[in-house]
C-alpha atoms as a PDB file:
ATOM      1  CA  MET A   1      95.701 164.672  65.854  1.00  0.00           C
ATOM      2  CA  SER A   2      96.573 163.781  62.469  1.00  0.00           C
ATOM      3  CA  PHE A   3      95.041 160.680  60.772  1.00  0.00           C
ATOM      4  CA  VAL A   4      98.588 159.047  60.383  1.00  0.00           C
ATOM      5  CA  ARG A   5      99.081 159.836  63.982  1.00  0.00           C
ATOM      6  CA  ARG A   6      96.119 158.425  65.264  1.00  0.00           C
ATOM      7  CA  ARG A   7      97.148 155.285  62.864  1.00  0.00           C
ATOM      8  CA  LYS A   8     100.631 155.298  64.927  1.00  0.00           C
ATOM      9  CA  PHE A   9      99.245 155.267  68.106  1.00  0.00           C
ATOM     10  CA  TYR A  10      96.553 152.698  67.547  1.00  0.00           C
ATOM     11  CA  SER A  11      98.978 150.327  66.267  1.00  0.00           C
ATOM     12  CA  ILE A  12     101.022 150.784  69.258  1.00  0.00           C
ATOM     13  CA  VAL A  13      98.408 150.363  71.228  1.00  0.00           C
ATOM     14  CA  LEU A  14      97.398 146.853  69.533  1.00  0.00           C
ATOM     15  CA  LEU A  15     100.905 145.939  69.235  1.00  0.00           C
ATOM     16  CA  LEU A  16     101.217 146.398  73.469  1.00  0.00           C
ATOM     17  CA  VAL A  17      97.783 144.547  73.804  1.00  0.00           C
ATOM     18  CA  ALA A  18      99.150 141.807  71.505  1.00  0.00           C
ATOM     19  CA  ALA A  19     102.337 141.349  73.551  1.00  0.00           C
ATOM     20  CA  PHE A  20     100.156 141.300  76.921  1.00  0.00           C
ATOM     21  CA  LEU A  21      97.785 138.381  75.664  1.00  0.00           C
ATOM     22  CA  ILE A  22     100.843 136.325  74.438  1.00  0.00           C
ATOM     23  CA  LEU A  23     102.695 136.360  78.072  1.00  0.00           C
ATOM     24  CA  HIS A  24      99.722 136.425  79.940  1.00  0.00           C
ATOM     25  CA  ASP A  25      98.693 133.091  77.742  1.00  0.00           C
ATOM     26  CA  GLY A  26     102.065 131.966  78.151  1.00  0.00           C
ATOM     27  CA  ALA A  27     102.349 131.953  82.076  1.00  0.00           C
ATOM     28  CA  GLN A  28      98.784 130.446  82.129  1.00  0.00           C
ATOM     29  CA  ALA A  29     100.273 127.578  80.021  1.00  0.00           C
ATOM     30  CA  GLN A  30     103.278 127.389  82.780  1.00  0.00           C
ATOM     31  CA  GLY A  31     101.311 127.626  85.452  1.00  0.00           C
ATOM     32  CA  SER A  32      99.265 124.932  84.082  1.00  0.00           C
ATOM     33  CA  ASN A  33     102.205 122.737  83.305  1.00  0.00           C
ATOM     34  CA  GLN A  34     103.794 123.544  86.642  1.00  0.00           C
ATOM     35  CA  GLU A  35     100.363 122.233  87.980  1.00  0.00           C
ATOM     36  CA  THR A  36      99.970 118.665  86.421  1.00  0.00           C
ATOM     37  CA  GLN A  37     103.874 118.279  87.381  1.00  0.00           C
ATOM     38  CA  ASP A  38     103.268 118.998  90.777  1.00  0.00           C
ATOM     39  CA  ASN A  39     100.242 116.369  90.599  1.00  0.00           C
ATOM     40  CA  SER A  40     102.186 113.664  88.910  1.00  0.00           C
ATOM     41  CA  GLY A  41     103.103 112.066  91.778  1.00  0.00           C
ATOM     42  CA  TYR A  42      99.265 112.095  93.298  1.00  0.00           C
ATOM     43  CA  ALA A  43      97.698 110.076  90.437  1.00  0.00           C
ATOM     44  CA  LEU A  44      96.521 106.824  91.537  1.00  0.00           C
ATOM     45  CA  THR A  45      99.080 104.155  91.247  1.00  0.00           C
ATOM     46  CA  SER A  46      98.933 100.868  91.460  1.00  0.00           C
ATOM     47  CA  LEU A  47     101.666  99.227  94.003  1.00  0.00           C
ATOM     48  CA  LEU A  48     102.941  96.037  96.098  1.00  0.00           C
ATOM     49  CA  TYR A  49     103.690  95.368  99.416  1.00  0.00           C
ATOM     50  CA  GLN A  50     104.927  92.338 101.329  1.00  0.00           C
ATOM     51  CA  THR A  51     104.060  91.692 105.195  1.00  0.00           C
ATOM     52  CA  ARG A  52     106.363  90.723 107.423  1.00  0.00           C
ATOM     53  CA  SER A  53     104.368  87.020 107.166  1.00  0.00           C
ATOM     54  CA  GLY A  54     105.246  86.836 103.686  1.00  0.00           C
ATOM     55  CA  VAL A  55     102.059  87.801 101.911  1.00  0.00           C
ATOM     56  CA  THR A  56     102.238  90.294  99.017  1.00  0.00           C
ATOM     57  CA  LEU A  57      99.299  92.497  99.003  1.00  0.00           C
ATOM     58  CA  ASN A  58      98.019  94.767  96.399  1.00  0.00           C
ATOM     59  CA  TYR A  59      97.271  98.617  96.878  1.00  0.00           C
ATOM     60  CA  VAL A  60      96.641 101.895  95.359  1.00  0.00           C
ATOM     61  CA  GLN A  61      97.692 105.135  96.576  1.00  0.00           C
ATOM     62  CA  GLN A  62      96.879 108.671  95.469  1.00  0.00           C
ATOM     63  CA  GLY A  63      97.361 112.423  97.002  1.00  0.00           C
ATOM     64  CA  ASP A  64      99.619 114.261  99.078  1.00  0.00           C
ATOM     65  CA  PRO A  65     101.799 112.002 100.658  1.00  0.00           C
ATOM     66  CA  ASN A  66     101.419 114.898 103.697  1.00  0.00           C
ATOM     67  CA  GLY A  67      97.995 114.666 103.536  1.00  0.00           C
ATOM     68  CA  SER A  68      95.147 113.066 106.194  1.00  0.00           C
ATOM     69  CA  VAL A  69      95.269 109.599 105.157  1.00  0.00           C
ATOM     70  CA  LEU A  70      91.827 107.931 103.972  1.00  0.00           C
ATOM     71  CA  LEU A  71      92.144 103.852 104.221  1.00  0.00           C
ATOM     72  CA  PHE A  72      89.964 101.953 102.420  1.00  0.00           C
ATOM     73  CA  LEU A  73      89.256  98.217 102.915  1.00  0.00           C
ATOM     74  CA  HIS A  74      86.786  96.197 100.167  1.00  0.00           C
ATOM     75  CA  GLY A  75      84.107  93.797 100.739  1.00  0.00           C
ATOM     76  CA  GLY A  76      84.248  89.777 100.143  1.00  0.00           C
ATOM     77  CA  GLY A  77      84.896  89.241  96.691  1.00  0.00           C
ATOM     78  CA  ASP A  78      86.060  92.755  95.584  1.00  0.00           C
ATOM     79  CA  SER A  79      89.203  94.496  95.378  1.00  0.00           C
ATOM     80  CA  TRP A  80      90.772  98.041  95.536  1.00  0.00           C
ATOM     81  CA  HIS A  81      88.489  98.726  92.268  1.00  0.00           C
ATOM     82  CA  SER A  82      85.299  98.311  95.125  1.00  0.00           C
ATOM     83  CA  TYR A  83      86.205 102.171  95.012  1.00  0.00           C
ATOM     84  CA  ASP A  84      86.817 103.125  91.480  1.00  0.00           C
ATOM     85  CA  ARG A  85      83.757 105.460  91.615  1.00  0.00           C
ATOM     86  CA  VAL A  86      85.177 107.383  94.987  1.00  0.00           C
ATOM     87  CA  TYR A  87      88.456 107.570  94.546  1.00  0.00           C
ATOM     88  CA  PRO A  88      88.110 111.059  91.471  1.00  0.00           C
ATOM     89  CA  LEU A  89      85.584 112.504  93.999  1.00  0.00           C
ATOM     90  CA  ILE A  90      88.499 112.883  96.901  1.00  0.00           C
ATOM     91  CA  PRO A  91      90.439 116.432  96.773  1.00  0.00           C
ATOM     92  CA  GLN A  92      93.984 115.906  96.212  1.00  0.00           C
ATOM     93  CA  ARG A  93      95.064 117.148  99.420  1.00  0.00           C
ATOM     94  CA  TYR A  94      94.003 113.769 101.447  1.00  0.00           C
ATOM     95  CA  ARG A  95      96.522 110.865 100.956  1.00  0.00           C
ATOM     96  CA  VAL A  96      94.154 107.926 100.127  1.00  0.00           C
ATOM     97  CA  TYR A  97      95.213 103.980 100.252  1.00  0.00           C
ATOM     98  CA  SER A  98      93.234 101.609  99.411  1.00  0.00           C
ATOM     99  CA  ILE A  99      94.293  97.574 100.032  1.00  0.00           C
ATOM    100  CA  THR A 100      93.012  94.412  98.301  1.00  0.00           C
ATOM    101  CA  LEU A 101      92.950  91.420 100.893  1.00  0.00           C
ATOM    102  CA  ARG A 102      94.362  88.785 101.337  1.00  0.00           C
ATOM    103  CA  GLY A 103      92.636  85.942  99.028  1.00  0.00           C
ATOM    104  CA  HIS A 104      91.472  88.795  96.472  1.00  0.00           C
ATOM    105  CA  GLY A 105      92.404  90.455  93.444  1.00  0.00           C
ATOM    106  CA  LEU A 106      96.042  90.610  92.703  1.00  0.00           C
ATOM    107  CA  SER A 107      96.930  89.954  96.319  1.00  0.00           C
ATOM    108  CA  ASP A 108      98.863  86.797  97.663  1.00  0.00           C
ATOM    109  CA  HIS A 109      95.740  84.027  97.748  1.00  0.00           C
ATOM    110  CA  PRO A 110      97.163  81.705 100.297  1.00  0.00           C
ATOM    111  CA  ASP A 111      95.486  78.118 101.230  1.00  0.00           C
ATOM    112  CA  LYS A 112      94.830  79.044 104.620  1.00  0.00           C
ATOM    113  CA  GLY A 113      94.666  82.085 106.835  1.00  0.00           C
ATOM    114  CA  TYR A 114      91.079  83.851 106.346  1.00  0.00           C
ATOM    115  CA  ALA A 115      90.148  84.769 109.848  1.00  0.00           C
ATOM    116  CA  THR A 116      89.373  88.187 110.915  1.00  0.00           C
ATOM    117  CA  ALA A 117      92.627  88.429 112.848  1.00  0.00           C
ATOM    118  CA  ASP A 118      94.319  87.137 109.644  1.00  0.00           C
ATOM    119  CA  PHE A 119      93.026  90.048 107.680  1.00  0.00           C
ATOM    120  CA  ALA A 120      93.476  92.785 110.465  1.00  0.00           C
ATOM    121  CA  GLY A 121      97.003  91.650 110.906  1.00  0.00           C
ATOM    122  CA  ASP A 122      97.989  92.524 107.477  1.00  0.00           C
ATOM    123  CA  VAL A 123      96.050  96.261 107.600  1.00  0.00           C
ATOM    124  CA  LEU A 124      98.016  96.567 110.861  1.00  0.00           C
ATOM    125  CA  ASP A 125     101.236  95.566 109.251  1.00  0.00           C
ATOM    126  CA  PHE A 126     100.722  97.792 106.596  1.00  0.00           C
ATOM    127  CA  LEU A 127     100.011 100.826 108.957  1.00  0.00           C
ATOM    128  CA  VAL A 128     103.409 100.410 110.632  1.00  0.00           C
ATOM    129  CA  GLN A 129     105.560 100.237 107.709  1.00  0.00           C
ATOM    130  CA  LYS A 130     103.996 102.785 105.974  1.00  0.00           C
ATOM    131  CA  ASN A 131     104.221 104.905 109.541  1.00  0.00           C
ATOM    132  CA  ILE A 132     100.421 106.144 108.998  1.00  0.00           C
ATOM    133  CA  ARG A 133      99.116 107.901 112.024  1.00  0.00           C
ATOM    134  CA  ASN A 134      95.710 109.613 113.038  1.00  0.00           C
ATOM    135  CA  ALA A 135      93.869 107.821 109.849  1.00  0.00           C
ATOM    136  CA  THR A 136      90.366 107.429 109.276  1.00  0.00           C
ATOM    137  CA  LEU A 137      89.715 103.627 108.503  1.00  0.00           C
ATOM    138  CA  ILE A 138      87.227 103.002 106.142  1.00  0.00           C
ATOM    139  CA  GLY A 139      85.322  99.255 105.395  1.00  0.00           C
ATOM    140  CA  HIS A 140      82.723  97.820 103.497  1.00  0.00           C
ATOM    141  CA  SER A 141      80.925  94.498 104.853  1.00  0.00           C
ATOM    142  CA  LEU A 142      83.833  91.958 104.977  1.00  0.00           C
ATOM    143  CA  GLY A 143      86.078  94.736 105.060  1.00  0.00           C
ATOM    144  CA  SER A 144      84.030  96.488 108.166  1.00  0.00           C
ATOM    145  CA  PHE A 145      84.699  93.964 110.129  1.00  0.00           C
ATOM    146  CA  VAL A 146      88.286  93.847 109.154  1.00  0.00           C
ATOM    147  CA  ALA A 147      88.025  97.653 110.228  1.00  0.00           C
ATOM    148  CA  GLN A 148      86.697  96.807 113.346  1.00  0.00           C
ATOM    149  CA  LYS A 149      89.016  94.275 114.455  1.00  0.00           C
ATOM    150  CA  VAL A 150      91.937  96.585 113.337  1.00  0.00           C
ATOM    151  CA  VAL A 151      90.788  99.373 115.795  1.00  0.00           C
ATOM    152  CA  GLU A 152      89.722  96.803 118.578  1.00  0.00           C
ATOM    153  CA  THR A 153      93.555  95.061 118.533  1.00  0.00           C
ATOM    154  CA  ASP A 154      95.518  98.797 118.422  1.00  0.00           C
ATOM    155  CA  SER A 155      93.870 102.205 117.924  1.00  0.00           C
ATOM    156  CA  SER A 156      97.027 104.018 118.186  1.00  0.00           C
ATOM    157  CA  ARG A 157      97.004 104.655 114.693  1.00  0.00           C
ATOM    158  CA  ILE A 158      93.269 105.414 113.354  1.00  0.00           C
ATOM    159  CA  ASP A 159      91.463 108.560 114.580  1.00  0.00           C
ATOM    160  CA  ARG A 160      88.341 107.655 113.183  1.00  0.00           C
ATOM    161  CA  LEU A 161      86.482 104.691 111.808  1.00  0.00           C
ATOM    162  CA  VAL A 162      83.589 104.361 108.454  1.00  0.00           C
ATOM    163  CA  LEU A 163      81.605 101.204 108.430  1.00  0.00           C
ATOM    164  CA  ILE A 164      79.401 100.808 105.286  1.00  0.00           C
ATOM    165  CA  GLY A 165      77.327  97.564 105.351  1.00  0.00           C
ATOM    166  CA  SER A 166      78.297  96.408 108.439  1.00  0.00           C
ATOM    167  CA  GLY A 167      76.900  94.553 111.743  1.00  0.00           C
ATOM    168  CA  SER A 168      77.743  94.236 115.331  1.00  0.00           C
ATOM    169  CA  SER A 169      77.952  90.306 114.714  1.00  0.00           C
ATOM    170  CA  ILE A 170      77.981  87.557 112.405  1.00  0.00           C
ATOM    171  CA  ASN A 171      75.483  84.683 113.243  1.00  0.00           C
ATOM    172  CA  GLN A 172      76.825  80.958 113.479  1.00  0.00           C
ATOM    173  CA  SER A 173      74.503  78.468 112.472  1.00  0.00           C
ATOM    174  CA  ASP A 174      74.445  74.715 113.697  1.00  0.00           C
ATOM    175  CA  ASN A 175      76.897  73.715 110.778  1.00  0.00           C
ATOM    176  CA  ASP A 176      79.710  76.426 111.632  1.00  0.00           C
ATOM    177  CA  HIS A 177      79.138  78.417 108.574  1.00  0.00           C
ATOM    178  CA  ASN A 178      78.692  82.462 109.066  1.00  0.00           C
ATOM    179  CA  GLU A 179      75.151  84.014 108.262  1.00  0.00           C
ATOM    180  CA  PRO A 180      74.915  85.497 105.796  1.00  0.00           C
ATOM    181  CA  PHE A 181      78.162  84.277 104.237  1.00  0.00           C
ATOM    182  CA  LYS A 182      77.301  80.084 104.679  1.00  0.00           C
ATOM    183  CA  PHE A 183      77.075  79.804 100.999  1.00  0.00           C
ATOM    184  CA  PHE A 184      80.674  80.590 100.271  1.00  0.00           C
ATOM    185  CA  ALA A 185      81.330  77.234 102.088  1.00  0.00           C
ATOM    186  CA  THR A 186      79.740  75.334  99.139  1.00  0.00           C
ATOM    187  CA  LEU A 187      82.141  76.490  96.155  1.00  0.00           C
ATOM    188  CA  HIS A 188      84.961  75.336  93.875  1.00  0.00           C
ATOM    189  CA  ASP A 189      87.384  76.476  92.074  1.00  0.00           C
ATOM    190  CA  PRO A 190      87.037  78.017  89.436  1.00  0.00           C
ATOM    191  CA  ILE A 191      84.459  80.382  90.645  1.00  0.00           C
ATOM    192  CA  PRO A 192      81.616  80.363  88.151  1.00  0.00           C
ATOM    193  CA  TYR A 193      80.634  83.557  86.193  1.00  0.00           C
ATOM    194  CA  SER A 194      77.264  83.305  86.677  1.00  0.00           C
ATOM    195  CA  PHE A 195      77.707  83.038  90.709  1.00  0.00           C
ATOM    196  CA  ALA A 196      80.539  86.236  90.244  1.00  0.00           C
ATOM    197  CA  ARG A 197      77.531  88.135  88.668  1.00  0.00           C
ATOM    198  CA  ASP A 198      74.224  86.937  90.577  1.00  0.00           C
ATOM    199  CA  PHE A 199      76.315  87.913  93.822  1.00  0.00           C
ATOM    200  CA  GLN A 200      77.647  91.162  92.734  1.00  0.00           C
ATOM    201  CA  ALA A 201      74.260  92.146  91.688  1.00  0.00           C
ATOM    202  CA  SER A 202      72.787  90.730  94.733  1.00  0.00           C
ATOM    203  CA  THR A 203      74.396  93.783  96.523  1.00  0.00           C
ATOM    204  CA  ILE A 204      72.850  96.495  94.220  1.00  0.00           C
ATOM    205  CA  TYR A 205      69.869  98.157  94.282  1.00  0.00           C
ATOM    206  CA  ALA A 206      70.035 101.340  92.270  1.00  0.00           C
ATOM    207  CA  PRO A 207      71.451 101.494  88.395  1.00  0.00           C
ATOM    208  CA  VAL A 208      75.577 101.551  88.387  1.00  0.00           C
ATOM    209  CA  PRO A 209      77.412 102.347  85.441  1.00  0.00           C
ATOM    210  CA  ALA A 210      77.966  99.213  83.261  1.00  0.00           C
ATOM    211  CA  GLN A 211      81.777  99.441  82.956  1.00  0.00           C
ATOM    212  CA  ASN A 212      82.068  99.270  86.804  1.00  0.00           C
ATOM    213  CA  PHE A 213      79.768  96.466  87.188  1.00  0.00           C
ATOM    214  CA  GLU A 214      81.667  94.553  84.607  1.00  0.00           C
ATOM    215  CA  ILE A 215      84.875  95.243  86.646  1.00  0.00           C
ATOM    216  CA  TRP A 216      83.444  94.208  89.953  1.00  0.00           C
ATOM    217  CA  VAL A 217      82.269  90.773  88.487  1.00  0.00           C
ATOM    218  CA  ALA A 218      85.522  90.144  86.912  1.00  0.00           C
ATOM    219  CA  GLU A 219      87.360  90.733  90.295  1.00  0.00           C
ATOM    220  CA  ALA A 220      84.767  88.479  91.940  1.00  0.00           C
ATOM    221  CA  GLN A 221      86.015  86.035  89.877  1.00  0.00           C
ATOM    222  CA  LYS A 222      89.612  85.968  90.624  1.00  0.00           C
ATOM    223  CA  VAL A 223      88.938  85.121  94.666  1.00  0.00           C
ATOM    224  CA  SER A 224      89.424  81.551  95.157  1.00  0.00           C
ATOM    225  CA  ALA A 225      87.346  79.074  96.630  1.00  0.00           C
ATOM    226  CA  ALA A 226      89.557  78.481  99.621  1.00  0.00           C
ATOM    227  CA  THR A 227      89.142  82.144 100.154  1.00  0.00           C
ATOM    228  CA  LEU A 228      85.494  82.196 100.371  1.00  0.00           C
ATOM    229  CA  ARG A 229      85.382  79.303 102.605  1.00  0.00           C
ATOM    230  CA  GLY A 230      87.800  80.426 104.583  1.00  0.00           C
ATOM    231  CA  ILE A 231      85.644  83.507 105.154  1.00  0.00           C
ATOM    232  CA  ALA A 232      82.550  81.392 105.573  1.00  0.00           C
ATOM    233  CA  HIS A 233      84.308  79.148 108.692  1.00  0.00           C
ATOM    234  CA  ASP A 234      86.681  81.525 109.820  1.00  0.00           C
ATOM    235  CA  PHE A 235      85.019  84.854 109.796  1.00  0.00           C
ATOM    236  CA  ARG A 236      84.414  85.794 113.685  1.00  0.00           C
ATOM    237  CA  SER A 237      82.984  89.202 115.325  1.00  0.00           C
ATOM    238  CA  SER A 238      82.584  90.230 118.827  1.00  0.00           C
ATOM    239  CA  PRO A 239      79.990  92.343 120.093  1.00  0.00           C
ATOM    240  CA  ASP A 240      81.587  92.799 123.210  1.00  0.00           C
ATOM    241  CA  ALA A 241      84.510  94.141 121.815  1.00  0.00           C
ATOM    242  CA  LEU A 242      83.167  96.568 119.972  1.00  0.00           C
ATOM    243  CA  LYS A 243      82.375  98.504 123.363  1.00  0.00           C
ATOM    244  CA  ALA A 244      86.170  99.019 123.232  1.00  0.00           C
ATOM    245  CA  ILE A 245      85.928 101.599 120.172  1.00  0.00           C
ATOM    246  CA  HIS A 246      85.501 104.812 121.890  1.00  0.00           C
ATOM    247  CA  ILE A 247      86.901 106.535 118.655  1.00  0.00           C
ATOM    248  CA  PRO A 248      84.180 108.538 116.291  1.00  0.00           C
ATOM    249  CA  THR A 249      82.766 105.955 114.328  1.00  0.00           C
ATOM    250  CA  LEU A 250      80.370 106.921 111.094  1.00  0.00           C
ATOM    251  CA  VAL A 251      77.851 103.767 110.168  1.00  0.00           C
ATOM    252  CA  LEU A 252      76.824 103.695 106.530  1.00  0.00           C
ATOM    253  CA  TRP A 253      73.721 101.427 105.521  1.00  0.00           C
ATOM    254  CA  GLY A 254      71.715 101.436 102.530  1.00  0.00           C
ATOM    255  CA  GLU A 255      67.649 100.695 103.221  1.00  0.00           C
ATOM    256  CA  LYS A 256      67.591  98.116 100.571  1.00  0.00           C
ATOM    257  CA  ASP A 257      70.844  96.144 101.582  1.00  0.00           C
ATOM    258  CA  SER A 258      70.182  92.313 101.289  1.00  0.00           C
ATOM    259  CA  ILE A 259      72.766  91.197 103.632  1.00  0.00           C
ATOM    260  CA  PHE A 260      72.228  93.506 106.953  1.00  0.00           C
ATOM    261  CA  SER A 261      68.922  94.979 108.026  1.00  0.00           C
ATOM    262  CA  ARG A 262      68.217  98.185 109.826  1.00  0.00           C
ATOM    263  CA  THR A 263      68.111  95.834 113.173  1.00  0.00           C
ATOM    264  CA  ASP A 264      72.182  94.571 112.527  1.00  0.00           C
ATOM    265  CA  GLU A 265      72.580  98.416 112.115  1.00  0.00           C
ATOM    266  CA  ASP A 266      70.713  99.267 115.616  1.00  0.00           C
ATOM    267  CA  ALA A 267      72.599  96.950 117.261  1.00  0.00           C
ATOM    268  CA  LEU A 268      75.920  97.716 115.658  1.00  0.00           C
ATOM    269  CA  VAL A 269      75.324 101.841 116.786  1.00  0.00           C
ATOM    270  CA  HIS A 270      74.057 100.965 120.567  1.00  0.00           C
ATOM    271  CA  ALA A 271      77.239  98.520 121.125  1.00  0.00           C
ATOM    272  CA  LEU A 272      79.721 101.205 119.832  1.00  0.00           C
ATOM    273  CA  PRO A 273      80.032 104.152 122.593  1.00  0.00           C
ATOM    274  CA  ASN A 274      80.511 107.029 119.637  1.00  0.00           C
ATOM    275  CA  ALA A 275      78.605 106.314 116.851  1.00  0.00           C
ATOM    276  CA  LYS A 276      76.048 107.823 114.531  1.00  0.00           C
ATOM    277  CA  LEU A 277      74.137 106.000 111.699  1.00  0.00           C
ATOM    278  CA  SER A 278      73.484 107.755 108.281  1.00  0.00           C
ATOM    279  CA  VAL A 279      70.883 106.020 106.064  1.00  0.00           C
ATOM    280  CA  TYR A 280      70.813 106.124 102.474  1.00  0.00           C
ATOM    281  CA  ALA A 281      66.985 105.547 101.149  1.00  0.00           C
ATOM    282  CA  GLU A 282      66.406 103.406  97.755  1.00  0.00           C
ATOM    283  CA  THR A 283      69.987 102.003  97.988  1.00  0.00           C
ATOM    284  CA  GLY A 284      71.894  98.548  98.448  1.00  0.00           C
ATOM    285  CA  HIS A 285      74.358  97.039 100.516  1.00  0.00           C
ATOM    286  CA  ALA A 286      76.830  98.690  98.363  1.00  0.00           C
ATOM    287  CA  LEU A 287      76.032 102.411  98.993  1.00  0.00           C
ATOM    288  CA  HIS A 288      79.544 103.764  97.800  1.00  0.00           C
ATOM    289  CA  TRP A 289      78.952 102.167  94.237  1.00  0.00           C
ATOM    290  CA  GLU A 290      75.401 103.231  93.901  1.00  0.00           C
ATOM    291  CA  ARG A 291      75.748 106.971  96.059  1.00  0.00           C
ATOM    292  CA  PRO A 292      79.422 107.979  95.675  1.00  0.00           C
ATOM    293  CA  ASN A 293      78.765 111.298  95.512  1.00  0.00           C
ATOM    294  CA  ARG A 294      76.961 111.612  98.934  1.00  0.00           C
ATOM    295  CA  PHE A 295      79.404 109.176 100.031  1.00  0.00           C
ATOM    296  CA  VAL A 296      82.439 110.791  99.515  1.00  0.00           C
ATOM    297  CA  SER A 297      80.564 114.302 100.938  1.00  0.00           C
ATOM    298  CA  GLU A 298      79.438 112.129 104.304  1.00  0.00           C
ATOM    299  CA  LEU A 299      83.137 111.031 104.685  1.00  0.00           C
ATOM    300  CA  LEU A 300      85.153 114.293 104.262  1.00  0.00           C
ATOM    301  CA  GLU A 301      82.546 116.124 106.290  1.00  0.00           C
ATOM    302  CA  PHE A 302      83.169 113.594 109.322  1.00  0.00           C
ATOM    303  CA  GLU A 303      86.696 113.429 108.864  1.00  0.00           C
ATOM    304  CA  ARG A 304      86.806 117.332 109.211  1.00  0.00           C
ATOM    305  CA  SER A 305      84.287 117.567 111.980  1.00  0.00           C
ATOM    306  CA  SER A 306      85.743 114.778 113.885  1.00  0.00           C
ATOM    307  CA  ALA A 307      89.227 115.627 113.581  1.00  0.00           C
ATOM    308  CA  PRO A 308      91.226 116.285 116.999  1.00  0.00           C
ATOM    309  CA  GLN A 309      91.020 119.496 118.091  1.00  0.00           C
ATOM    310  CA  PRO A 310      94.492 121.320 118.822  1.00  0.00           C
ATOM    311  CA  ASN A 311      95.250 122.108 122.748  1.00  0.00           C
ATOM    312  CA  GLN A 312      93.858 125.418 123.880  1.00  0.00           C
ATOM    313  CA  GLN A 313      96.816 127.424 125.147  1.00  0.00           C
END
């Protein structure tokens, strides 16, 4: 082959390679844009919901609307922001909901109605109106007792229960204040920054990102004294009722929890017919703040392993 012919041949080859690369890159870009477009509806979105009793709740959602449902409930003095370190770790194939309980965050702050049954009633209303079934219900601290009450009242829409920093009961003192929340009854509006800061810090043992801690403190300042006094006086849990909860339950506890002890956790697991305990070493009360990767890994493994099996033919 002559030099001229070889040169023409190589030029044609280079043109073909260039054309292939352009088409390949274009296809990748189109696919990337298409993926972004498809997932745009899956991003974390903040919304409002009004219960049939007239209470407006703030909640967030993310993920596939047809995916398995994970419903999160936060602790006292928090909001849906309590799980900020968790949401990015959950695959988009799951449908995530996280409710800010009444009296917290941007949800309504009524003057009364802070018994466990009131919180649970709001959650049950949400489940019914959203037509949510076969959900995994996850609750931290106050939210864990609300979650217990939800399942005690009506377990037909909940398949699995995850309790973080929880217990089998709240002990009553002589002045009718709940331990360990009796100090809530002494507060008045506005909630001092120092109280919000120190309370949130007391639930943490391992370091957490500064930007998250500032958000959690700011959310605690949004809670009214009426809410905290209501929790202090009207919070109830019945160990006997736990015996009726037969759905798979995962109990998560940090060994440095300043609110609930290992004795509390053992009593809780003993009271529940179908529960197992996972202990987080060197971790405080808000273990999902401190160990979000392990928490999500255990949560999703529990969701998969305890999923109802199809009937065998």
